[in-house]
Structures are given as structure tokens and as C-alpha cells.
C-alpha atoms as a PDB file:
ATOM      1  CA  MET A   1      -0.107  -0.070  -0.172  1.00  0.00           C
ATOM      2  CA  ASN A   2       1.013   3.194  -0.940  1.00  0.00           C
ATOM      3  CA  ALA A   3       3.125   5.534   1.766  1.00  0.00           C
ATOM      4  CA  ASP A   4       1.164   8.941   0.943  1.00  0.00           C
ATOM      5  CA  LEU A   5      -2.404   6.837   1.353  1.00  0.00           C
ATOM      6  CA  LEU A   6      -1.616   5.031   4.642  1.00  0.00           C
ATOM      7  CA  SER A   7      -1.023   7.864   6.063  1.00  0.00           C
ATOM      8  CA  ILE A   8      -4.277   9.550   5.184  1.00  0.00           C
ATOM      9  CA  LEU A   9      -6.457   6.883   6.245  1.00  0.00           C
ATOM     10  CA  ARG A  10      -8.257   6.492   9.298  1.00  0.00           C
ATOM     11  CA  CYS A  11     -10.511   4.415  10.653  1.00  0.00           C
ATOM     12  CA  PRO A  12     -14.085   5.611  10.066  1.00  0.00           C
ATOM     13  CA  GLU A  13     -15.258   4.513  13.643  1.00  0.00           C
ATOM     14  CA  THR A  14     -12.839   6.065  15.570  1.00  0.00           C
ATOM     15  CA  ARG A  15     -10.554   8.206  12.947  1.00  0.00           C
ATOM     16  CA  GLN A  16      -7.658   5.804  14.955  1.00  0.00           C
ATOM     17  CA  THR A  17      -4.725   5.404  12.634  1.00  0.00           C
ATOM     18  CA  LEU A  18      -4.788   1.693  10.901  1.00  0.00           C
ATOM     19  CA  VAL A  19      -1.730   0.201   9.505  1.00  0.00           C
ATOM     20  CA  VAL A  20      -0.192  -2.903   7.528  1.00  0.00           C
ATOM     21  CA  ALA A  21      -1.632  -5.999   8.911  1.00  0.00           C
ATOM     22  CA  GLU A  22       0.739  -8.722   9.594  1.00  0.00           C
ATOM     23  CA  THR A  23       1.504 -11.044   7.233  1.00  0.00           C
ATOM     24  CA  ALA A  24       0.419 -13.487   9.809  1.00  0.00           C
ATOM     25  CA  VAL A  25      -2.376 -12.229  11.110  1.00  0.00           C
ATOM     26  CA  VAL A  26      -4.226 -12.158   7.483  1.00  0.00           C
ATOM     27  CA  ALA A  27      -3.149 -16.441   6.858  1.00  0.00           C
ATOM     28  CA  ARG A  28      -4.714 -16.929  10.562  1.00  0.00           C
ATOM     29  CA  LEU A  29      -7.489 -14.908   9.698  1.00  0.00           C
ATOM     30  CA  ASN A  30      -7.621 -16.795   5.812  1.00  0.00           C
ATOM     31  CA  GLU A  31      -7.467 -20.090   7.773  1.00  0.00           C
ATOM     32  CA  GLN A  32     -11.096 -18.990   9.714  1.00  0.00           C
ATOM     33  CA  VAL A  33     -12.622 -17.962   6.850  1.00  0.00           C
ATOM     34  CA  ALA A  34     -11.480 -21.799   5.081  1.00  0.00           C
ATOM     35  CA  ALA A  35     -13.234 -23.346   7.646  1.00  0.00           C
ATOM     36  CA  GLY A  36     -16.505 -21.333   7.056  1.00  0.00           C
ATOM     37  CA  GLN A  37     -15.303 -19.589  10.352  1.00  0.00           C
ATOM     38  CA  LEU A  38     -14.581 -16.083  10.823  1.00  0.00           C
ATOM     39  CA  ARG A  39     -18.194 -13.417  10.695  1.00  0.00           C
ATOM     40  CA  ASN A  40     -17.538  -9.619  10.315  1.00  0.00           C
ATOM     41  CA  ARG A  41     -18.710  -6.743  11.803  1.00  0.00           C
ATOM     42  CA  ALA A  42     -21.711  -7.028  11.584  1.00  0.00           C
ATOM     43  CA  GLY A  43     -22.303 -11.642  12.567  1.00  0.00           C
ATOM     44  CA  GLN A  44     -22.476 -12.010   9.060  1.00  0.00           C
ATOM     45  CA  PRO A  45     -19.594 -14.878   7.590  1.00  0.00           C
ATOM     46  CA  VAL A  46     -16.710 -12.827   5.302  1.00  0.00           C
ATOM     47  CA  THR A  47     -16.789 -15.942   2.516  1.00  0.00           C
ATOM     48  CA  ALA A  48     -13.603 -14.361   0.966  1.00  0.00           C
ATOM     49  CA  ARG A  49     -10.499 -14.855   1.526  1.00  0.00           C
ATOM     50  CA  LEU A  50      -8.599 -11.677   2.300  1.00  0.00           C
ATOM     51  CA  ASP A  51      -5.843 -10.327  -0.116  1.00  0.00           C
ATOM     52  CA  GLY A  52      -4.734  -8.215   3.269  1.00  0.00           C
ATOM     53  CA  GLY A  53      -5.998  -6.148   6.019  1.00  0.00           C
ATOM     54  CA  LEU A  54      -6.029  -2.401   7.586  1.00  0.00           C
ATOM     55  CA  VAL A  55      -5.788  -2.500  11.353  1.00  0.00           C
ATOM     56  CA  ARG A  56      -6.184  -0.050  14.252  1.00  0.00           C
ATOM     57  CA  ALA A  57      -3.940   1.051  16.034  1.00  0.00           C
ATOM     58  CA  ASP A  58      -5.633  -0.174  19.103  1.00  0.00           C
ATOM     59  CA  GLY A  59      -5.322  -3.276  17.384  1.00  0.00           C
ATOM     60  CA  LYS A  60      -9.141  -4.533  18.243  1.00  0.00           C
ATOM     61  CA  ALA A  61     -10.253  -4.310  14.494  1.00  0.00           C
ATOM     62  CA  LEU A  62      -9.177  -5.005  10.824  1.00  0.00           C
ATOM     63  CA  TYR A  63     -10.577  -3.686   8.311  1.00  0.00           C
ATOM     64  CA  PRO A  64      -9.666  -6.724   5.047  1.00  0.00           C
ATOM     65  CA  VAL A  65      -8.473  -5.429   1.627  1.00  0.00           C
ATOM     66  CA  ARG A  66      -9.159  -7.009  -2.074  1.00  0.00           C
ATOM     67  CA  ASN A  67      -8.368  -6.767  -4.764  1.00  0.00           C
ATOM     68  CA  THR A  68      -5.746  -3.769  -3.214  1.00  0.00           C
ATOM     69  CA  VAL A  69      -8.716  -1.969  -2.322  1.00  0.00           C
ATOM     70  CA  PRO A  70      -9.577  -1.334   1.421  1.00  0.00           C
ATOM     71  CA  VAL A  71     -13.053  -1.792   2.719  1.00  0.00           C
ATOM     72  CA  LEU A  72     -13.938   0.493   5.356  1.00  0.00           C
ATOM     73  CA  LEU A  73     -16.646  -0.110   6.382  1.00  0.00           C
ATOM     74  CA  VAL A  74     -17.272  -0.162  10.103  1.00  0.00           C
ATOM     75  CA  ASP A  75     -19.820  -3.631   9.726  1.00  0.00           C
ATOM     76  CA  GLU A  76     -17.293  -4.862   6.970  1.00  0.00           C
ATOM     77  CA  ALA A  77     -14.438  -5.041   9.748  1.00  0.00           C
ATOM     78  CA  ILE A  78     -13.417  -8.552  11.493  1.00  0.00           C
ATOM     79  CA  ALA A  79     -13.089  -8.512  15.535  1.00  0.00           C
ATOM     80  CA  LEU A  80      -8.731  -9.363  16.416  1.00  0.00           C
END
């Protein structure tokens, strides 16, 4: 992700800064997706594999990245 873009993106709920998720975190979440165990904040099952993620500064939420586009919708966040 472009560093300039990342520097201006914020969590839509809390306005905290976001950082690129570590590869291990994304891999763990993708294992849960494959097992049908991952749900987003709205309680909906996450069925699509994550290409990456942006983690909120407090580490409590991840916003998925799909096709290089961050999905910054509160209901799409995944609790960490």
C-alpha cells in the first residue's frame, strides 16, 4: 500500500490510524475463512479470502483489503 495514502486513512469508527496487517495475521484469518468460522462486525460470515488488511491503532479491528482496495466500512471490520 502506498505510504502517502496509508498516512491519511483512518478507522471510520474511531478515527484511529491504520497500519498494514502482518502476513501472519492475514494468514490466520484466511484459515478461519476457509473453515467457515470468521464473521465480520455485522455478524455476517466472511466468505471471501482476504488479500490483506489494515489494523486499527488499538489492535482491536482489522479492515479487509480486497483486490488492493481497503474496505473501510464499520460493519465489514473483523474483531482481532
